[in-house]
Amino acid sequence: MASSDEEGEIVPDCLTNYHLVDCNEEPVSFSVLPLQWGEDDIFGALNAEIFLRGTADDGLQHIYKKVVAWRFELSYALPEIHVLSKDKIWIKLLKPQKSYTDTIRTILITVHFLHFVKKNPDTFGEIVWNYIRKSLSAYEVLPSEDDLIEHMSTIKEAARRDKDLSSSKSFNAFFLETSQKRIHGYEVSQCKKRPEFIIGADSDADSGADDDTNEYVDEQFDHVCALCDDGGELLCCEGRCIRSFHPTVESGAESLCESLAYRNHQAIHTFLCKNCRYQRHQCFACGLLGSSDKSTGAEV
């Protein structure tokens, strides 16, 4: 948590169920904000007042803050997006409000694309897009290269600053294809729609698609509890550590795990372990804890 100058207000480090609006309360993407690469390195200009709405502390704290910039982080297991409040406090954005997802669709696809090609520089083609489509499987219109066109300036700037991106096969293939399409007067193809299913009384009809999605999501997190190294019913941290824990005493009873000792973990919309909440992580070299907050100078 960080303190704001406004009447000692405590500003959370991260928000869920968020959306951004302009001065007329119309939804706008965070990508309309200037993109901040470094402390004094801002790309773009702020042309309107933009406000962030969302909740923290499992919905107990409601936030309404003016924001002035945004940034993304590609170094971790999952991409991270932050916005900067007018009080100079960075707030990480977790799950957006459902009605807001279409507003940020193309920029989310762009960030996930950059994250994947940075981590997998020798991978290109449909493998990239199969990954992104699974990551953003909630969208009815499947992500494609067409969604990146709107954010070409951001993509080019990211490549200029990151040698891993600029040397990626997928990255260079995308730019080559984009150039060829412009030369030949390429018209954007029709968006591919997700196939529709007719579900009868037996709900197993769609179990195959759900299983594929669940298998993909499971791959993102540890399959054993970080406290006891045993499996079973687990609650996954949605911070950068992506560790898993036995949520209740009952779930960890077989391995005598101390667990998180929650009574009803299903009521928790977004779980962050204490390390991710306070941005204190362990150094793999020496084993000691250190700050992982890049805004204040990360130690680990």
C-alpha atoms as a PDB file:
ATOM      1  CA  MET A   1       0.000   0.000   0.000  1.00  0.00           C
ATOM      2  CA  ALA A   2       1.139   3.586  -0.667  1.00  0.00           C
ATOM      3  CA  SER A   3      -0.015   6.881   0.835  1.00  0.00           C
ATOM      4  CA  SER A   4      -1.667   9.594  -1.232  1.00  0.00           C
ATOM      5  CA  ASP A   5      -1.505  13.306  -0.499  1.00  0.00           C
ATOM      6  CA  GLU A   6      -5.301  13.458  -0.491  1.00  0.00           C
ATOM      7  CA  GLU A   7      -6.301  13.395   3.194  1.00  0.00           C
ATOM      8  CA  GLY A   8      -3.891  10.562   3.977  1.00  0.00           C
ATOM      9  CA  GLU A   9      -5.655   8.200   1.564  1.00  0.00           C
ATOM     10  CA  ILE A  10      -4.104   4.744   1.271  1.00  0.00           C
ATOM     11  CA  VAL A  11      -3.731   3.739  -2.374  1.00  0.00           C
ATOM     12  CA  PRO A  12      -3.530  -0.026  -3.068  1.00  0.00           C
ATOM     13  CA  ASP A  13      -0.700  -1.525  -5.104  1.00  0.00           C
ATOM     14  CA  CYS A  14      -3.138  -3.366  -7.370  1.00  0.00           C
ATOM     15  CA  LEU A  15      -6.778  -3.207  -8.459  1.00  0.00           C
ATOM     16  CA  THR A  16      -9.271  -5.692  -9.794  1.00  0.00           C
ATOM     17  CA  ASN A  17     -12.663  -5.215 -11.473  1.00  0.00           C
ATOM     18  CA  TYR A  18     -11.176  -2.041 -12.932  1.00  0.00           C
ATOM     19  CA  HIS A  19     -12.083   0.268 -15.784  1.00  0.00           C
ATOM     20  CA  LEU A  20     -10.950   3.699 -16.971  1.00  0.00           C
ATOM     21  CA  VAL A  21     -13.250   6.565 -17.912  1.00  0.00           C
ATOM     22  CA  ASP A  22     -12.910  10.085 -19.267  1.00  0.00           C
ATOM     23  CA  CYS A  23     -14.409  13.238 -17.762  1.00  0.00           C
ATOM     24  CA  ASN A  24     -17.783  12.295 -19.289  1.00  0.00           C
ATOM     25  CA  GLU A  25     -17.685   8.861 -17.607  1.00  0.00           C
ATOM     26  CA  GLU A  26     -17.227   7.174 -20.986  1.00  0.00           C
ATOM     27  CA  PRO A  27     -14.961   4.095 -20.971  1.00  0.00           C
ATOM     28  CA  VAL A  28     -11.508   4.606 -22.499  1.00  0.00           C
ATOM     29  CA  SER A  29      -8.520   2.322 -22.869  1.00  0.00           C
ATOM     30  CA  PHE A  30      -5.481   2.893 -20.676  1.00  0.00           C
ATOM     31  CA  SER A  31      -3.507   3.021 -23.935  1.00  0.00           C
ATOM     32  CA  VAL A  32      -4.755   6.585 -24.512  1.00  0.00           C
ATOM     33  CA  LEU A  33      -2.468   7.587 -21.638  1.00  0.00           C
ATOM     34  CA  PRO A  34       1.199   8.417 -22.286  1.00  0.00           C
ATOM     35  CA  LEU A  35       3.358   5.295 -22.162  1.00  0.00           C
ATOM     36  CA  GLN A  36       6.153   5.652 -19.610  1.00  0.00           C
ATOM     37  CA  TRP A  37       9.320   3.661 -20.302  1.00  0.00           C
ATOM     38  CA  GLY A  38      11.480   5.133 -17.559  1.00  0.00           C
ATOM     39  CA  GLU A  39      11.311   7.686 -14.774  1.00  0.00           C
ATOM     40  CA  ASP A  40      11.588  10.641 -17.160  1.00  0.00           C
ATOM     41  CA  ASP A  41      11.024   8.803 -20.425  1.00  0.00           C
ATOM     42  CA  ILE A  42       7.429   9.249 -21.602  1.00  0.00           C
ATOM     43  CA  PHE A  43       6.070   8.287 -25.024  1.00  0.00           C
ATOM     44  CA  GLY A  44       2.983  10.255 -26.080  1.00  0.00           C
ATOM     45  CA  ALA A  45       0.993  13.097 -24.541  1.00  0.00           C
ATOM     46  CA  LEU A  46      -1.949  13.342 -22.159  1.00  0.00           C
ATOM     47  CA  ASN A  47      -4.793  15.023 -24.048  1.00  0.00           C
ATOM     48  CA  ALA A  48      -7.656  14.521 -21.579  1.00  0.00           C
ATOM     49  CA  GLU A  49      -8.407  13.776 -17.950  1.00  0.00           C
ATOM     50  CA  ILE A  50      -8.600  10.021 -17.365  1.00  0.00           C
ATOM     51  CA  PHE A  51      -9.825   8.322 -14.196  1.00  0.00           C
ATOM     52  CA  LEU A  52      -9.366   4.808 -12.851  1.00  0.00           C
ATOM     53  CA  ARG A  53     -12.145   2.947 -11.062  1.00  0.00           C
ATOM     54  CA  GLY A  54     -11.738  -0.408  -9.365  1.00  0.00           C
ATOM     55  CA  THR A  55     -11.698  -2.369  -6.128  1.00  0.00           C
ATOM     56  CA  ALA A  56      -9.047  -3.691  -3.747  1.00  0.00           C
ATOM     57  CA  ASP A  57      -8.966  -5.799  -0.572  1.00  0.00           C
ATOM     58  CA  ASP A  58     -11.393  -8.357  -2.036  1.00  0.00           C
ATOM     59  CA  GLY A  59     -13.899  -5.657  -2.951  1.00  0.00           C
ATOM     60  CA  LEU A  60     -13.843  -3.847   0.405  1.00  0.00           C
ATOM     61  CA  GLN A  61     -12.015  -0.773  -0.910  1.00  0.00           C
ATOM     62  CA  HIS A  62     -13.357   1.204  -3.868  1.00  0.00           C
ATOM     63  CA  ILE A  63     -10.899   3.381  -5.773  1.00  0.00           C
ATOM     64  CA  TYR A  64     -11.459   6.400  -8.014  1.00  0.00           C
ATOM     65  CA  LYS A  65      -8.183   8.034  -9.034  1.00  0.00           C
ATOM     66  CA  LYS A  66      -6.985  10.354 -11.759  1.00  0.00           C
ATOM     67  CA  VAL A  67      -4.231   8.656 -13.765  1.00  0.00           C
ATOM     68  CA  VAL A  68      -1.608  10.240 -15.994  1.00  0.00           C
ATOM     69  CA  ALA A  69       0.465   7.436 -17.586  1.00  0.00           C
ATOM     70  CA  TRP A  70       0.740   3.686 -18.034  1.00  0.00           C
ATOM     71  CA  ARG A  71       3.461   1.075 -18.523  1.00  0.00           C
ATOM     72  CA  PHE A  72       3.784  -2.649 -19.154  1.00  0.00           C
ATOM     73  CA  GLU A  73       6.275  -5.187 -17.827  1.00  0.00           C
ATOM     74  CA  LEU A  74       7.364  -8.193 -19.899  1.00  0.00           C
ATOM     75  CA  SER A  75      10.044  -9.665 -17.622  1.00  0.00           C
ATOM     76  CA  TYR A  76       7.824 -11.863 -15.463  1.00  0.00           C
ATOM     77  CA  ALA A  77       6.008 -15.140 -16.064  1.00  0.00           C
ATOM     78  CA  LEU A  78       2.863 -13.198 -16.999  1.00  0.00           C
ATOM     79  CA  PRO A  79       2.704  -9.681 -18.502  1.00  0.00           C
ATOM     80  CA  GLU A  80       1.885  -6.867 -16.083  1.00  0.00           C
ATOM     81  CA  ILE A  81       0.153  -3.538 -16.747  1.00  0.00           C
ATOM     82  CA  HIS A  82       0.376  -0.538 -14.406  1.00  0.00           C
ATOM     83  CA  VAL A  83      -1.120   2.951 -14.420  1.00  0.00           C
ATOM     84  CA  LEU A  84       0.372   5.991 -12.679  1.00  0.00           C
ATOM     85  CA  SER A  85      -1.868   8.075 -10.421  1.00  0.00           C
ATOM     86  CA  LYS A  86      -1.503  11.848 -10.324  1.00  0.00           C
ATOM     87  CA  ASP A  87       0.132  11.321  -6.900  1.00  0.00           C
ATOM     88  CA  LYS A  88       2.957   9.424  -8.669  1.00  0.00           C
ATOM     89  CA  ILE A  89       1.887   6.009  -7.356  1.00  0.00           C
ATOM     90  CA  TRP A  90       1.977   3.008  -9.689  1.00  0.00           C
ATOM     91  CA  ILE A  91      -1.073   0.734  -9.504  1.00  0.00           C
ATOM     92  CA  LYS A  92      -1.036  -2.732 -11.070  1.00  0.00           C
ATOM     93  CA  LEU A  93      -4.165  -3.683 -13.016  1.00  0.00           C
ATOM     94  CA  LEU A  94      -5.406  -7.232 -12.481  1.00  0.00           C
ATOM     95  CA  LYS A  95      -8.779  -8.409 -13.799  1.00  0.00           C
ATOM     96  CA  PRO A  96     -10.820  -5.787 -15.676  1.00  0.00           C
ATOM     97  CA  GLN A  97     -14.531  -5.233 -15.262  1.00  0.00           C
ATOM     98  CA  LYS A  98     -16.282  -7.618 -17.651  1.00  0.00           C
ATOM     99  CA  SER A  99     -18.014  -4.824 -19.576  1.00  0.00           C
ATOM    100  CA  TYR A 100     -14.635  -3.108 -20.058  1.00  0.00           C
ATOM    101  CA  THR A 101     -12.808  -5.991 -21.726  1.00  0.00           C
ATOM    102  CA  ASP A 102     -13.780  -5.012 -25.279  1.00  0.00           C
ATOM    103  CA  THR A 103     -12.457  -1.473 -24.703  1.00  0.00           C
ATOM    104  CA  ILE A 104      -8.956  -2.769 -23.969  1.00  0.00           C
ATOM    105  CA  ARG A 105      -9.077  -5.773 -26.290  1.00  0.00           C
ATOM    106  CA  THR A 106      -6.453  -4.744 -28.852  1.00  0.00           C
ATOM    107  CA  ILE A 107      -3.940  -3.370 -26.349  1.00  0.00           C
ATOM    108  CA  LEU A 108      -4.195  -6.504 -24.184  1.00  0.00           C
ATOM    109  CA  ILE A 109      -3.562  -8.623 -27.276  1.00  0.00           C
ATOM    110  CA  THR A 110      -0.600  -6.406 -28.148  1.00  0.00           C
ATOM    111  CA  VAL A 111       0.978  -6.703 -24.689  1.00  0.00           C
ATOM    112  CA  HIS A 112       0.487 -10.485 -24.653  1.00  0.00           C
ATOM    113  CA  PHE A 113       2.056 -10.681 -28.120  1.00  0.00           C
ATOM    114  CA  LEU A 114       5.103  -8.677 -26.997  1.00  0.00           C
ATOM    115  CA  HIS A 115       5.430 -10.797 -23.862  1.00  0.00           C
ATOM    116  CA  PHE A 116       5.320 -14.102 -25.751  1.00  0.00           C
ATOM    117  CA  VAL A 117       7.753 -13.180 -28.529  1.00  0.00           C
ATOM    118  CA  LYS A 118      10.200 -11.772 -25.971  1.00  0.00           C
ATOM    119  CA  LYS A 119      10.117 -15.029 -23.994  1.00  0.00           C
ATOM    120  CA  ASN A 120      10.095 -17.226 -27.125  1.00  0.00           C
ATOM    121  CA  PRO A 121      12.237 -15.443 -29.753  1.00  0.00           C
ATOM    122  CA  ASP A 122      12.558 -18.507 -32.013  1.00  0.00           C
ATOM    123  CA  THR A 123       8.823 -19.239 -32.138  1.00  0.00           C
ATOM    124  CA  PHE A 124       6.599 -17.778 -34.846  1.00  0.00           C
ATOM    125  CA  GLY A 125       3.429 -18.335 -36.838  1.00  0.00           C
ATOM    126  CA  GLU A 126       0.336 -20.071 -35.498  1.00  0.00           C
ATOM    127  CA  ILE A 127       2.114 -21.238 -32.334  1.00  0.00           C
ATOM    128  CA  VAL A 128       2.240 -17.616 -31.184  1.00  0.00           C
ATOM    129  CA  TRP A 129      -1.411 -16.990 -31.899  1.00  0.00           C
ATOM    130  CA  ASN A 130      -2.604 -20.264 -30.420  1.00  0.00           C
ATOM    131  CA  TYR A 131      -0.916 -19.220 -27.179  1.00  0.00           C
ATOM    132  CA  ILE A 132      -2.457 -15.741 -27.218  1.00  0.00           C
ATOM    133  CA  ARG A 133      -5.914 -17.093 -28.062  1.00  0.00           C
ATOM    134  CA  LYS A 134      -5.745 -19.385 -25.055  1.00  0.00           C
ATOM    135  CA  SER A 135      -4.462 -16.558 -22.837  1.00  0.00           C
ATOM    136  CA  LEU A 136      -7.379 -14.347 -23.889  1.00  0.00           C
ATOM    137  CA  SER A 137      -9.944 -17.073 -24.484  1.00  0.00           C
ATOM    138  CA  ALA A 138     -12.833 -15.010 -23.089  1.00  0.00           C
ATOM    139  CA  TYR A 139     -13.079 -13.000 -26.317  1.00  0.00           C
ATOM    140  CA  GLU A 140     -15.667 -14.156 -28.849  1.00  0.00           C
ATOM    141  CA  VAL A 141     -13.606 -12.734 -31.714  1.00  0.00           C
ATOM    142  CA  LEU A 142     -10.319 -14.613 -31.700  1.00  0.00           C
ATOM    143  CA  PRO A 143      -7.133 -12.501 -31.495  1.00  0.00           C
ATOM    144  CA  SER A 144      -5.137 -12.135 -34.702  1.00  0.00           C
ATOM    145  CA  GLU A 145      -2.376 -10.016 -36.221  1.00  0.00           C
ATOM    146  CA  ASP A 146      -4.999  -7.494 -37.308  1.00  0.00           C
ATOM    147  CA  ASP A 147      -5.422  -6.489 -33.664  1.00  0.00           C
ATOM    148  CA  LEU A 148      -1.816  -5.293 -33.515  1.00  0.00           C
ATOM    149  CA  ILE A 149      -2.156  -2.727 -36.303  1.00  0.00           C
ATOM    150  CA  GLU A 150      -3.792  -0.164 -34.004  1.00  0.00           C
ATOM    151  CA  HIS A 151      -0.716  -0.159 -31.759  1.00  0.00           C
ATOM    152  CA  MET A 152       2.102  -0.186 -34.308  1.00  0.00           C
ATOM    153  CA  SER A 153       3.799   2.846 -32.751  1.00  0.00           C
ATOM    154  CA  THR A 154       3.941   1.102 -29.364  1.00  0.00           C
ATOM    155  CA  ILE A 155       5.236  -2.116 -30.940  1.00  0.00           C
ATOM    156  CA  LYS A 156       7.968  -0.319 -32.895  1.00  0.00           C
ATOM    157  CA  GLU A 157       9.042   1.658 -29.830  1.00  0.00           C
ATOM    158  CA  ALA A 158       9.204  -1.532 -27.767  1.00  0.00           C
ATOM    159  CA  ALA A 159      11.385  -3.174 -30.431  1.00  0.00           C
ATOM    160  CA  ARG A 160      13.696  -0.169 -30.511  1.00  0.00           C
ATOM    161  CA  ARG A 161      14.242  -0.441 -26.762  1.00  0.00           C
ATOM    162  CA  ASP A 162      14.374  -4.226 -26.339  1.00  0.00           C
ATOM    163  CA  LYS A 163      16.926  -6.283 -28.280  1.00  0.00           C
ATOM    164  CA  ASP A 164      15.090  -9.524 -27.409  1.00  0.00           C
ATOM    165  CA  LEU A 165      12.045  -8.232 -29.268  1.00  0.00           C
ATOM    166  CA  SER A 166      13.916  -6.807 -32.238  1.00  0.00           C
ATOM    167  CA  SER A 167      15.747 -10.117 -32.799  1.00  0.00           C
ATOM    168  CA  SER A 168      12.619 -12.285 -32.460  1.00  0.00           C
ATOM    169  CA  LYS A 169      11.657 -14.340 -35.531  1.00  0.00           C
ATOM    170  CA  SER A 170       7.957 -13.810 -34.849  1.00  0.00           C
ATOM    171  CA  PHE A 171       8.477 -10.082 -34.481  1.00  0.00           C
ATOM    172  CA  ASN A 172      10.338  -9.735 -37.770  1.00  0.00           C
ATOM    173  CA  ALA A 173       7.865 -12.002 -39.565  1.00  0.00           C
ATOM    174  CA  PHE A 174       5.017  -9.791 -38.375  1.00  0.00           C
ATOM    175  CA  PHE A 175       6.677  -6.612 -39.671  1.00  0.00           C
ATOM    176  CA  LEU A 176       7.484  -8.241 -43.011  1.00  0.00           C
ATOM    177  CA  GLU A 177       3.900  -9.427 -43.483  1.00  0.00           C
ATOM    178  CA  THR A 178       2.516  -6.032 -42.446  1.00  0.00           C
ATOM    179  CA  SER A 179       4.716  -4.270 -45.004  1.00  0.00           C
ATOM    180  CA  GLN A 180       3.646  -6.659 -47.776  1.00  0.00           C
ATOM    181  CA  LYS A 181      -0.020  -6.150 -46.963  1.00  0.00           C
ATOM    182  CA  ARG A 182       0.364  -2.382 -47.248  1.00  0.00           C
ATOM    183  CA  ILE A 183       2.231  -2.670 -50.539  1.00  0.00           C
ATOM    184  CA  HIS A 184      -0.454  -4.829 -52.144  1.00  0.00           C
ATOM    185  CA  GLY A 185      -3.388  -2.834 -50.783  1.00  0.00           C
ATOM    186  CA  TYR A 186      -4.317  -5.536 -48.347  1.00  0.00           C
ATOM    187  CA  GLU A 187      -7.860  -5.438 -47.023  1.00  0.00           C
ATOM    188  CA  VAL A 188      -8.410  -6.623 -43.475  1.00  0.00           C
ATOM    189  CA  SER A 189      -9.931 -10.077 -43.560  1.00  0.00           C
ATOM    190  CA  GLN A 190     -13.090 -10.969 -41.711  1.00  0.00           C
ATOM    191  CA  CYS A 191     -12.583 -11.711 -38.058  1.00  0.00           C
ATOM    192  CA  LYS A 192     -12.761 -15.373 -37.150  1.00  0.00           C
ATOM    193  CA  LYS A 193     -15.641 -16.162 -34.867  1.00  0.00           C
ATOM    194  CA  ARG A 194     -15.579 -18.699 -32.081  1.00  0.00           C
ATOM    195  CA  PRO A 195     -17.681 -21.751 -33.068  1.00  0.00           C
ATOM    196  CA  GLU A 196     -21.091 -21.897 -31.444  1.00  0.00           C
ATOM    197  CA  PHE A 197     -22.230 -24.941 -29.494  1.00  0.00           C
ATOM    198  CA  ILE A 198     -25.772 -26.117 -28.809  1.00  0.00           C
ATOM    199  CA  ILE A 199     -25.868 -27.460 -25.295  1.00  0.00           C
ATOM    200  CA  GLY A 200     -28.572 -29.934 -24.384  1.00  0.00           C
ATOM    201  CA  ALA A 201     -29.410 -31.434 -21.030  1.00  0.00           C
ATOM    202  CA  ASP A 202     -26.000 -33.129 -20.915  1.00  0.00           C
ATOM    203  CA  SER A 203     -23.496 -30.384 -20.147  1.00  0.00           C
ATOM    204  CA  ASP A 204     -20.593 -32.638 -21.174  1.00  0.00           C
ATOM    205  CA  ALA A 205     -21.008 -31.384 -24.763  1.00  0.00           C
ATOM    206  CA  ASP A 206     -18.591 -28.519 -24.191  1.00  0.00           C
ATOM    207  CA  SER A 207     -16.269 -30.254 -21.752  1.00  0.00           C
ATOM    208  CA  GLY A 208     -13.535 -30.694 -24.350  1.00  0.00           C
ATOM    209  CA  ALA A 209     -13.087 -26.964 -24.956  1.00  0.00           C
ATOM    210  CA  ASP A 210     -13.205 -26.205 -21.236  1.00  0.00           C
ATOM    211  CA  ASP A 211     -10.642 -28.904 -20.516  1.00  0.00           C
ATOM    212  CA  ASP A 212      -8.242 -27.406 -23.051  1.00  0.00           C
ATOM    213  CA  THR A 213      -8.592 -23.962 -21.506  1.00  0.00           C
ATOM    214  CA  ASN A 214      -8.208 -25.280 -17.969  1.00  0.00           C
ATOM    215  CA  GLU A 215      -5.127 -27.262 -18.944  1.00  0.00           C
ATOM    216  CA  TYR A 216      -3.570 -24.120 -20.346  1.00  0.00           C
ATOM    217  CA  VAL A 217      -4.371 -22.043 -17.271  1.00  0.00           C
ATOM    218  CA  ASP A 218      -2.982 -24.787 -15.026  1.00  0.00           C
ATOM    219  CA  GLU A 219       0.326 -24.658 -16.894  1.00  0.00           C
ATOM    220  CA  GLN A 220       0.824 -21.087 -15.725  1.00  0.00           C
ATOM    221  CA  PHE A 221       0.913 -22.010 -12.029  1.00  0.00           C
ATOM    222  CA  ASP A 222       2.737 -24.440  -9.733  1.00  0.00           C
ATOM    223  CA  HIS A 223       1.002 -27.807  -9.345  1.00  0.00           C
ATOM    224  CA  VAL A 224       2.183 -28.242  -5.742  1.00  0.00           C
ATOM    225  CA  CYS A 225       1.752 -26.151  -2.600  1.00  0.00           C
ATOM    226  CA  ALA A 226       4.645 -23.750  -1.937  1.00  0.00           C
ATOM    227  CA  LEU A 227       4.410 -24.528   1.798  1.00  0.00           C
ATOM    228  CA  CYS A 228       4.519 -28.340   1.752  1.00  0.00           C
ATOM    229  CA  ASP A 229       5.345 -29.404  -1.841  1.00  0.00           C
ATOM    230  CA  ASP A 230       2.193 -31.543  -2.018  1.00  0.00           C
ATOM    231  CA  GLY A 231      -0.655 -31.356  -4.521  1.00  0.00           C
ATOM    232  CA  GLY A 232      -4.418 -31.449  -4.119  1.00  0.00           C
ATOM    233  CA  GLU A 233      -6.808 -28.520  -3.886  1.00  0.00           C
ATOM    234  CA  LEU A 234      -4.729 -25.385  -4.497  1.00  0.00           C
ATOM    235  CA  LEU A 235      -5.236 -21.618  -4.635  1.00  0.00           C
ATOM    236  CA  CYS A 236      -2.979 -19.843  -7.133  1.00  0.00           C
ATOM    237  CA  CYS A 237      -1.309 -16.486  -6.483  1.00  0.00           C
ATOM    238  CA  GLU A 238      -2.038 -14.123  -9.371  1.00  0.00           C
ATOM    239  CA  GLY A 239       1.048 -12.023  -8.673  1.00  0.00           C
ATOM    240  CA  ARG A 240       4.388 -12.395 -10.397  1.00  0.00           C
ATOM    241  CA  CYS A 241       5.449 -15.443  -8.324  1.00  0.00           C
ATOM    242  CA  ILE A 242       2.490 -17.574  -9.632  1.00  0.00           C
ATOM    243  CA  ARG A 243       2.932 -19.994  -6.704  1.00  0.00           C
ATOM    244  CA  SER A 244       0.137 -22.200  -5.367  1.00  0.00           C
ATOM    245  CA  PHE A 245      -1.020 -22.883  -1.803  1.00  0.00           C
ATOM    246  CA  HIS A 246      -3.433 -25.131   0.083  1.00  0.00           C
ATOM    247  CA  PRO A 247      -6.201 -22.613   0.841  1.00  0.00           C
ATOM    248  CA  THR A 248      -7.812 -24.334   3.846  1.00  0.00           C
ATOM    249  CA  VAL A 249      -6.666 -26.527   6.731  1.00  0.00           C
ATOM    250  CA  GLU A 250      -8.753 -29.375   5.296  1.00  0.00           C
ATOM    251  CA  SER A 251      -7.107 -29.165   1.860  1.00  0.00           C
ATOM    252  CA  GLY A 252      -3.648 -29.545   3.409  1.00  0.00           C
ATOM    253  CA  ALA A 253      -4.530 -32.036   6.147  1.00  0.00           C
ATOM    254  CA  GLU A 254      -3.084 -35.078   4.381  1.00  0.00           C
ATOM    255  CA  SER A 255       0.386 -33.508   4.164  1.00  0.00           C
ATOM    256  CA  LEU A 256       0.080 -31.738   7.563  1.00  0.00           C
ATOM    257  CA  CYS A 257       0.372 -28.422   5.719  1.00  0.00           C
ATOM    258  CA  GLU A 258      -0.212 -25.258   7.739  1.00  0.00           C
ATOM    259  CA  SER A 259      -2.073 -23.910   4.672  1.00  0.00           C
ATOM    260  CA  LEU A 260      -3.448 -20.376   4.284  1.00  0.00           C
ATOM    261  CA  ALA A 261      -6.154 -21.254   6.823  1.00  0.00           C
ATOM    262  CA  TYR A 262      -8.975 -19.639   4.845  1.00  0.00           C
ATOM    263  CA  ARG A 263     -12.543 -20.631   5.663  1.00  0.00           C
ATOM    264  CA  ASN A 264     -14.072 -19.931   2.264  1.00  0.00           C
ATOM    265  CA  HIS A 265     -11.405 -19.430  -0.386  1.00  0.00           C
ATOM    266  CA  GLN A 266     -14.015 -19.474  -3.167  1.00  0.00           C
ATOM    267  CA  ALA A 267     -15.138 -16.013  -2.028  1.00  0.00           C
ATOM    268  CA  ILE A 268     -11.681 -14.635  -2.865  1.00  0.00           C
ATOM    269  CA  HIS A 269     -11.811 -13.082  -6.333  1.00  0.00           C
ATOM    270  CA  THR A 270      -8.086 -12.357  -6.663  1.00  0.00           C
ATOM    271  CA  PHE A 271      -5.489 -13.926  -4.386  1.00  0.00           C
ATOM    272  CA  LEU A 272      -2.060 -12.349  -3.880  1.00  0.00           C
ATOM    273  CA  CYS A 273       0.447 -13.939  -1.520  1.00  0.00           C
ATOM    274  CA  LYS A 274       2.163 -11.655   0.988  1.00  0.00           C
ATOM    275  CA  ASN A 275       5.365 -11.613  -1.055  1.00  0.00           C
ATOM    276  CA  CYS A 276       3.553 -10.268  -4.121  1.00  0.00           C
ATOM    277  CA  ARG A 277       1.308  -7.971  -2.093  1.00  0.00           C
ATOM    278  CA  TYR A 278       4.271  -6.266  -0.415  1.00  0.00           C
ATOM    279  CA  GLN A 279       6.630  -6.821  -3.383  1.00  0.00           C
ATOM    280  CA  ARG A 280       9.255  -8.718  -1.381  1.00  0.00           C
ATOM    281  CA  HIS A 281      10.737 -11.723  -3.164  1.00  0.00           C
ATOM    282  CA  GLN A 282      13.567 -14.167  -2.589  1.00  0.00           C
ATOM    283  CA  CYS A 283      16.887 -13.944  -4.409  1.00  0.00           C
ATOM    284  CA  PHE A 284      17.676 -17.249  -6.129  1.00  0.00           C
ATOM    285  CA  ALA A 285      21.418 -16.719  -5.587  1.00  0.00           C
ATOM    286  CA  CYS A 286      21.610 -15.941  -1.837  1.00  0.00           C
ATOM    287  CA  GLY A 287      18.154 -16.945  -0.611  1.00  0.00           C
ATOM    288  CA  LEU A 288      17.485 -13.609   1.112  1.00  0.00           C
ATOM    289  CA  LEU A 289      14.367 -11.481   0.686  1.00  0.00           C
ATOM    290  CA  GLY A 290      14.609  -8.171  -1.133  1.00  0.00           C
ATOM    291  CA  SER A 291      12.358  -5.559  -2.695  1.00  0.00           C
ATOM    292  CA  SER A 292      11.008  -6.452  -6.133  1.00  0.00           C
ATOM    293  CA  ASP A 293       9.303  -3.066  -6.609  1.00  0.00           C
ATOM    294  CA  LYS A 294      10.840  -1.594  -9.757  1.00  0.00           C
ATOM    295  CA  SER A 295       9.308   1.828  -9.120  1.00  0.00           C
ATOM    296  CA  THR A 296      11.524   2.243  -6.039  1.00  0.00           C
ATOM    297  CA  GLY A 297      14.567   0.351  -7.304  1.00  0.00           C
ATOM    298  CA  ALA A 298      14.194  -3.422  -7.245  1.00  0.00           C
ATOM    299  CA  GLU A 299      16.806  -5.463  -5.367  1.00  0.00           C
ATOM    300  CA  VAL A 300      15.744  -8.857  -6.745  1.00  0.00           C
END
